């Protein structure tokens, strides 16, 4: 004789799993308001740590993790410009010392 209660609960469990799987695969992902950031590996030569797809922009319009196009030795980190001539270079007639561009005399 077949246990009717076990058969009923087994069918109910399969139906619930089926409906759940349909719901998972047919809904569009929703934005939760939380941001997940993936940390890039810190380059051993340049010790600046940035995050990919960081939406912050510096005052001069340069994106996070990029050298400024308006102010030569500056680098945009988390929405702030910092002097970093080792990475971004200096203007003609200047050399890089301690992350600052210094005029050659």
Protein backbone atom coordinates (compact mmCIF):
# COMPACT_ATOMS: atom_id res chain seq x y z
CA UNK A 1 0.00 0.00 0.00
CA UNK A 2 1.32 3.45 -0.94
CA UNK A 3 1.60 6.04 1.80
CA UNK A 4 -0.79 8.74 0.56
CA UNK A 5 0.57 11.47 2.88
CA UNK A 6 4.15 11.01 1.63
CA UNK A 7 2.94 11.04 -1.97
CA UNK A 8 0.96 14.26 -1.38
CA UNK A 9 3.91 16.06 0.25
CA UNK A 10 6.29 14.85 -2.46
CA UNK A 11 4.05 16.27 -5.19
CA UNK A 12 3.62 19.51 -3.21
CA UNK A 13 7.41 19.83 -2.84
CA UNK A 14 7.98 19.26 -6.57
CA UNK A 15 5.32 21.84 -7.44
CA UNK A 16 6.90 24.39 -5.08
CA UNK A 17 10.36 23.79 -6.57
CA UNK A 18 8.96 24.12 -10.10
CA UNK A 19 7.22 27.45 -9.33
CA UNK A 20 10.38 28.78 -7.61
CA UNK A 21 12.57 27.89 -10.59
CA UNK A 22 10.17 29.61 -12.99
CA UNK A 23 10.23 32.71 -10.79
CA UNK A 24 14.03 32.77 -10.64
CA UNK A 25 14.59 32.42 -14.36
CA UNK A 26 11.83 34.71 -15.62
CA UNK A 27 12.34 37.83 -13.48
CA UNK A 28 14.67 40.70 -14.37
CA UNK A 29 17.43 41.56 -11.88
CA UNK A 30 16.48 44.47 -9.63
CA UNK A 31 18.77 47.21 -8.35
CA UNK A 32 19.06 47.02 -4.59
CA UNK A 33 20.84 50.30 -3.97
CA UNK A 34 23.97 48.55 -2.74
CA UNK A 35 27.21 48.82 -4.68
CA UNK A 36 29.59 45.92 -4.83
CA UNK A 37 33.12 46.93 -5.70
CA UNK A 38 35.78 44.64 -6.98
CA UNK A 39 39.21 45.67 -5.85
CA UNK A 40 41.90 45.62 -8.49
CA UNK A 41 45.25 44.29 -7.52
CA UNK A 42 47.57 47.05 -6.47
CA UNK A 43 50.23 47.55 -9.08
CA UNK A 44 53.60 47.10 -7.39
CA UNK A 45 55.17 50.00 -9.31
CA UNK A 46 52.36 52.48 -8.66
CA UNK A 47 50.84 52.13 -5.22
CA UNK A 48 47.46 53.61 -6.14
CA UNK A 49 44.48 51.36 -5.51
CA UNK A 50 41.39 52.05 -7.61
CA UNK A 51 38.08 50.32 -8.19
CA UNK A 52 36.71 49.38 -11.59
CA UNK A 53 33.54 51.15 -12.68
CA UNK A 54 33.80 53.75 -9.92
CA UNK A 55 31.39 56.54 -10.99
CA UNK A 56 33.23 59.37 -9.25
CA UNK A 57 34.68 62.13 -11.40
CA UNK A 58 37.28 64.72 -10.37
CA UNK A 59 36.80 68.49 -10.60
CA UNK A 60 38.62 68.68 -13.94
CA UNK A 61 36.39 66.01 -15.49
CA UNK A 62 38.87 63.14 -15.38
CA UNK A 63 37.50 59.75 -14.36
CA UNK A 64 38.55 57.81 -11.29
CA UNK A 65 41.82 55.99 -11.93
CA UNK A 66 42.94 58.25 -14.80
CA UNK A 67 45.52 60.98 -15.20
CA UNK A 68 44.19 64.51 -15.52
CA UNK A 69 44.29 65.93 -19.04
CA UNK A 70 44.17 69.53 -17.80
CA UNK A 71 46.62 69.47 -14.89
CA UNK A 72 49.54 67.30 -16.01
CA UNK A 73 50.90 65.54 -12.90
CA UNK A 74 47.51 65.02 -11.23
CA UNK A 75 45.77 61.66 -10.92
CA UNK A 76 42.10 61.19 -10.05
CA UNK A 77 41.59 58.96 -7.00
CA UNK A 78 38.11 58.62 -5.46
CA UNK A 79 37.01 61.96 -6.90
CA UNK A 80 40.05 63.92 -5.67
CA UNK A 81 43.06 65.07 -7.66
CA UNK A 82 46.42 64.06 -6.21
CA UNK A 83 49.86 64.81 -7.57
CA UNK A 84 51.37 61.63 -9.00
CA UNK A 85 53.98 62.45 -11.60
CA UNK A 86 55.48 58.92 -11.53
CA UNK A 87 52.32 57.76 -13.25
CA UNK A 88 51.13 60.81 -15.18
CA UNK A 89 54.40 62.53 -16.09
CA UNK A 90 55.48 66.18 -15.96
CA UNK A 91 55.49 69.07 -18.40
CA UNK A 92 58.57 69.87 -20.47
CA UNK A 93 61.42 71.29 -18.38
CA UNK A 94 60.25 69.53 -15.20
CA UNK A 95 61.34 66.37 -13.43
CA UNK A 96 59.46 64.17 -11.01
CA UNK A 97 60.61 64.14 -7.38
CA UNK A 98 58.53 62.70 -4.55
CA UNK A 99 55.39 62.65 -6.73
CA UNK A 100 55.72 66.38 -7.50
CA UNK A 101 56.93 68.06 -10.68
CA UNK A 102 59.93 70.28 -10.05
CA UNK A 103 61.45 72.75 -12.53
CA UNK A 104 64.89 71.83 -13.78
CA UNK A 105 67.35 74.74 -13.46
